[in-house]
């Protein structure tokens, strides 16, 4: 089992270091473009929303990120002390109609759910723990 961990603060400027960290992990383990796209988009969407809306104060907060390669899967985890938020309970976004006709929001969670094979959330010890799993092997058609 291979694992990597990084700790960032709740600043949007940190997203570039997250992208570099994910790309280094992907290169080291020869992850496919399909898997890398899933990881990069998922981390970007979740962290962007978390940093923008997840804290009720202006203080610095630590956010822990993990990647674990286990068997035919790569697991990602985001741990934060932001306000409790379970993205799995969010209503699905409106996908019909033109872009100007749709309400704003919800697409990031939609991407997280559709790009990954499994997404779980739990709140424990005043901490949000979001995990998502991507299978490394394409499903047979």
C-alpha atoms as a PDB file:
ATOM      1  CA  UNK A   1       0.000   0.000   0.000  1.00  0.00           C
ATOM      2  CA  UNK A   2       1.405   3.377  -1.031  1.00  0.00           C
ATOM      3  CA  UNK A   3       0.291   6.554   0.701  1.00  0.00           C
ATOM      4  CA  UNK A   4       1.001  10.266   0.644  1.00  0.00           C
ATOM      5  CA  UNK A   5      -0.218  13.067   2.871  1.00  0.00           C
ATOM      6  CA  UNK A   6      -0.083  16.845   2.721  1.00  0.00           C
ATOM      7  CA  UNK A   7      -1.345  19.544   5.048  1.00  0.00           C
ATOM      8  CA  UNK A   8      -2.526  22.885   3.683  1.00  0.00           C
ATOM      9  CA  UNK A   9      -4.281  25.919   5.132  1.00  0.00           C
ATOM     10  CA  UNK A  10      -7.647  27.294   4.071  1.00  0.00           C
ATOM     11  CA  UNK A  11      -6.234  29.648   1.417  1.00  0.00           C
ATOM     12  CA  UNK A  12      -7.138  29.420  -2.270  1.00  0.00           C
ATOM     13  CA  UNK A  13      -3.467  29.954  -3.122  1.00  0.00           C
ATOM     14  CA  UNK A  14      -2.831  26.456  -1.687  1.00  0.00           C
ATOM     15  CA  UNK A  15      -4.711  24.821  -4.581  1.00  0.00           C
ATOM     16  CA  UNK A  16      -1.621  24.986  -6.806  1.00  0.00           C
ATOM     17  CA  UNK A  17       0.468  23.033  -4.282  1.00  0.00           C
ATOM     18  CA  UNK A  18      -2.324  20.444  -4.073  1.00  0.00           C
ATOM     19  CA  UNK A  19      -2.341  20.103  -7.863  1.00  0.00           C
ATOM     20  CA  UNK A  20       1.448  19.597  -7.884  1.00  0.00           C
ATOM     21  CA  UNK A  21       1.218  17.039  -5.053  1.00  0.00           C
ATOM     22  CA  UNK A  22      -1.457  15.022  -6.893  1.00  0.00           C
ATOM     23  CA  UNK A  23       0.525  15.168 -10.154  1.00  0.00           C
ATOM     24  CA  UNK A  24       3.693  13.947  -8.391  1.00  0.00           C
ATOM     25  CA  UNK A  25       1.782  11.047  -6.818  1.00  0.00           C
ATOM     26  CA  UNK A  26       0.227  10.199 -10.180  1.00  0.00           C
ATOM     27  CA  UNK A  27       3.570  10.272 -11.986  1.00  0.00           C
ATOM     28  CA  UNK A  28       5.271   8.170  -9.308  1.00  0.00           C
ATOM     29  CA  UNK A  29       2.562   5.501  -9.609  1.00  0.00           C
ATOM     30  CA  UNK A  30       1.885   5.807 -13.346  1.00  0.00           C
ATOM     31  CA  UNK A  31      -1.801   6.670 -12.872  1.00  0.00           C
ATOM     32  CA  UNK A  32      -3.779   6.954 -16.090  1.00  0.00           C
ATOM     33  CA  UNK A  33      -5.029  10.289 -17.457  1.00  0.00           C
ATOM     34  CA  UNK A  34      -8.593   9.149 -16.586  1.00  0.00           C
ATOM     35  CA  UNK A  35      -7.682   8.623 -12.927  1.00  0.00           C
ATOM     36  CA  UNK A  36      -5.635  11.820 -12.758  1.00  0.00           C
ATOM     37  CA  UNK A  37      -8.494  13.882 -14.181  1.00  0.00           C
ATOM     38  CA  UNK A  38     -10.838  12.453 -11.566  1.00  0.00           C
ATOM     39  CA  UNK A  39      -8.443  13.213  -8.711  1.00  0.00           C
ATOM     40  CA  UNK A  40      -7.518  16.704  -9.881  1.00  0.00           C
ATOM     41  CA  UNK A  41     -11.081  17.822 -10.591  1.00  0.00           C
ATOM     42  CA  UNK A  42     -12.410  16.287  -7.360  1.00  0.00           C
ATOM     43  CA  UNK A  43      -9.768  17.878  -5.137  1.00  0.00           C
ATOM     44  CA  UNK A  44     -10.138  21.221  -6.906  1.00  0.00           C
ATOM     45  CA  UNK A  45     -13.934  21.312  -6.604  1.00  0.00           C
ATOM     46  CA  UNK A  46     -14.096  20.151  -2.987  1.00  0.00           C
ATOM     47  CA  UNK A  47     -11.257  22.338  -1.750  1.00  0.00           C
ATOM     48  CA  UNK A  48     -12.467  25.410  -3.621  1.00  0.00           C
ATOM     49  CA  UNK A  49     -15.874  25.103  -1.953  1.00  0.00           C
ATOM     50  CA  UNK A  50     -14.422  24.208   1.443  1.00  0.00           C
ATOM     51  CA  UNK A  51     -12.025  27.160   1.477  1.00  0.00           C
ATOM     52  CA  UNK A  52     -14.631  29.579   0.108  1.00  0.00           C
ATOM     53  CA  UNK A  53     -17.615  28.563   2.266  1.00  0.00           C
ATOM     54  CA  UNK A  54     -16.547  26.112   4.977  1.00  0.00           C
ATOM     55  CA  UNK A  55     -15.317  28.431   7.703  1.00  0.00           C
ATOM     56  CA  UNK A  56     -17.194  30.981   9.781  1.00  0.00           C
ATOM     57  CA  UNK A  57     -14.067  32.932  10.787  1.00  0.00           C
ATOM     58  CA  UNK A  58     -10.982  34.431   9.157  1.00  0.00           C
ATOM     59  CA  UNK A  59      -8.448  32.306  11.056  1.00  0.00           C
ATOM     60  CA  UNK A  60      -6.084  29.860   9.396  1.00  0.00           C
ATOM     61  CA  UNK A  61      -7.300  26.268   9.542  1.00  0.00           C
ATOM     62  CA  UNK A  62      -5.414  23.092   8.668  1.00  0.00           C
ATOM     63  CA  UNK A  63      -6.774  20.788   5.983  1.00  0.00           C
ATOM     64  CA  UNK A  64      -5.246  17.309   5.682  1.00  0.00           C
ATOM     65  CA  UNK A  65      -5.221  15.481   2.358  1.00  0.00           C
ATOM     66  CA  UNK A  66      -4.320  11.863   1.802  1.00  0.00           C
ATOM     67  CA  UNK A  67      -3.865   9.628  -1.210  1.00  0.00           C
ATOM     68  CA  UNK A  68      -3.692   5.873  -0.745  1.00  0.00           C
ATOM     69  CA  UNK A  69      -3.005   3.353  -3.479  1.00  0.00           C
ATOM     70  CA  UNK A  70      -4.520   0.025  -2.429  1.00  0.00           C
ATOM     71  CA  UNK A  71      -4.997  -2.852  -4.845  1.00  0.00           C
ATOM     72  CA  UNK A  72      -6.911  -1.648  -7.908  1.00  0.00           C
ATOM     73  CA  UNK A  73      -8.048   1.570  -6.240  1.00  0.00           C
ATOM     74  CA  UNK A  74      -6.785   4.976  -5.307  1.00  0.00           C
ATOM     75  CA  UNK A  75      -8.455   6.524  -2.263  1.00  0.00           C
ATOM     76  CA  UNK A  76      -8.411  10.231  -1.517  1.00  0.00           C
ATOM     77  CA  UNK A  77      -9.369  11.787   1.793  1.00  0.00           C
ATOM     78  CA  UNK A  78      -9.953  15.357   2.904  1.00  0.00           C
ATOM     79  CA  UNK A  79     -10.109  16.130   6.643  1.00  0.00           C
ATOM     80  CA  UNK A  80     -11.092  19.586   7.870  1.00  0.00           C
ATOM     81  CA  UNK A  81     -12.525  21.382  10.882  1.00  0.00           C
ATOM     82  CA  UNK A  82     -14.937  23.490   8.862  1.00  0.00           C
ATOM     83  CA  UNK A  83     -18.675  23.704   9.385  1.00  0.00           C
ATOM     84  CA  UNK A  84     -20.378  20.299   9.134  1.00  0.00           C
ATOM     85  CA  UNK A  85     -21.321  19.616   5.523  1.00  0.00           C
ATOM     86  CA  UNK A  86     -22.256  16.293   3.983  1.00  0.00           C
ATOM     87  CA  UNK A  87     -22.089  16.723   0.199  1.00  0.00           C
ATOM     88  CA  UNK A  88     -23.926  13.434  -0.270  1.00  0.00           C
ATOM     89  CA  UNK A  89     -27.124  15.029   1.066  1.00  0.00           C
ATOM     90  CA  UNK A  90     -27.000  17.983  -1.323  1.00  0.00           C
ATOM     91  CA  UNK A  91     -29.771  17.984  -3.947  1.00  0.00           C
ATOM     92  CA  UNK A  92     -28.712  17.160  -7.494  1.00  0.00           C
ATOM     93  CA  UNK A  93     -28.031  20.172  -9.717  1.00  0.00           C
ATOM     94  CA  UNK A  94     -30.336  21.232 -12.514  1.00  0.00           C
ATOM     95  CA  UNK A  95     -28.627  20.054 -15.693  1.00  0.00           C
ATOM     96  CA  UNK A  96     -31.360  20.919 -18.171  1.00  0.00           C
ATOM     97  CA  UNK A  97     -31.787  24.283 -19.862  1.00  0.00           C
ATOM     98  CA  UNK A  98     -29.177  26.788 -20.905  1.00  0.00           C
ATOM     99  CA  UNK A  99     -26.336  27.847 -18.656  1.00  0.00           C
ATOM    100  CA  UNK A 100     -28.023  31.194 -18.003  1.00  0.00           C
ATOM    101  CA  UNK A 101     -31.273  29.494 -16.981  1.00  0.00           C
ATOM    102  CA  UNK A 102     -29.823  27.137 -14.383  1.00  0.00           C
ATOM    103  CA  UNK A 103     -29.380  28.035 -10.716  1.00  0.00           C
ATOM    104  CA  UNK A 104     -25.778  28.539  -9.619  1.00  0.00           C
ATOM    105  CA  UNK A 105     -24.114  25.784  -7.596  1.00  0.00           C
ATOM    106  CA  UNK A 106     -24.135  22.042  -7.192  1.00  0.00           C
ATOM    107  CA  UNK A 107     -21.953  21.127 -10.162  1.00  0.00           C
ATOM    108  CA  UNK A 108     -18.832  20.531  -8.065  1.00  0.00           C
ATOM    109  CA  UNK A 109     -20.632  17.922  -5.971  1.00  0.00           C
ATOM    110  CA  UNK A 110     -22.079  16.434  -9.156  1.00  0.00           C
ATOM    111  CA  UNK A 111     -18.550  16.112 -10.603  1.00  0.00           C
ATOM    112  CA  UNK A 112     -17.281  14.553  -7.361  1.00  0.00           C
ATOM    113  CA  UNK A 113     -20.034  11.917  -7.420  1.00  0.00           C
ATOM    114  CA  UNK A 114     -19.871  11.112 -11.138  1.00  0.00           C
ATOM    115  CA  UNK A 115     -16.081  11.090 -11.561  1.00  0.00           C
ATOM    116  CA  UNK A 116     -15.495   8.672  -8.690  1.00  0.00           C
ATOM    117  CA  UNK A 117     -16.580   5.103  -8.004  1.00  0.00           C
ATOM    118  CA  UNK A 118     -17.413   5.745  -4.355  1.00  0.00           C
ATOM    119  CA  UNK A 119     -17.793   8.805  -2.130  1.00  0.00           C
ATOM    120  CA  UNK A 120     -18.285   8.672   1.642  1.00  0.00           C
ATOM    121  CA  UNK A 121     -18.636  11.325   4.314  1.00  0.00           C
ATOM    122  CA  UNK A 122     -18.622  11.264   8.088  1.00  0.00           C
ATOM    123  CA  UNK A 123     -18.377  13.848  10.828  1.00  0.00           C
ATOM    124  CA  UNK A 124     -16.261  12.710  13.762  1.00  0.00           C
ATOM    125  CA  UNK A 125     -14.643  14.675  16.606  1.00  0.00           C
ATOM    126  CA  UNK A 126     -15.650  18.036  15.065  1.00  0.00           C
ATOM    127  CA  UNK A 127     -13.965  17.016  11.825  1.00  0.00           C
ATOM    128  CA  UNK A 128     -15.389  16.489   8.336  1.00  0.00           C
ATOM    129  CA  UNK A 129     -13.959  13.418   6.634  1.00  0.00           C
ATOM    130  CA  UNK A 130     -14.689  13.118   2.938  1.00  0.00           C
ATOM    131  CA  UNK A 131     -13.327  10.097   1.068  1.00  0.00           C
ATOM    132  CA  UNK A 132     -13.556   9.241  -2.574  1.00  0.00           C
ATOM    133  CA  UNK A 133     -12.350   6.186  -4.448  1.00  0.00           C
ATOM    134  CA  UNK A 134     -11.390   5.748  -8.079  1.00  0.00           C
ATOM    135  CA  UNK A 135     -10.837   2.317  -9.575  1.00  0.00           C
ATOM    136  CA  UNK A 136      -7.594   2.115 -11.516  1.00  0.00           C
ATOM    137  CA  UNK A 137      -8.943  -0.485 -13.924  1.00  0.00           C
ATOM    138  CA  UNK A 138     -11.563   0.395 -16.539  1.00  0.00           C
ATOM    139  CA  UNK A 139     -14.816  -1.503 -16.176  1.00  0.00           C
ATOM    140  CA  UNK A 140     -15.487  -3.903 -19.057  1.00  0.00           C
ATOM    141  CA  UNK A 141     -17.854  -2.492 -21.678  1.00  0.00           C
END
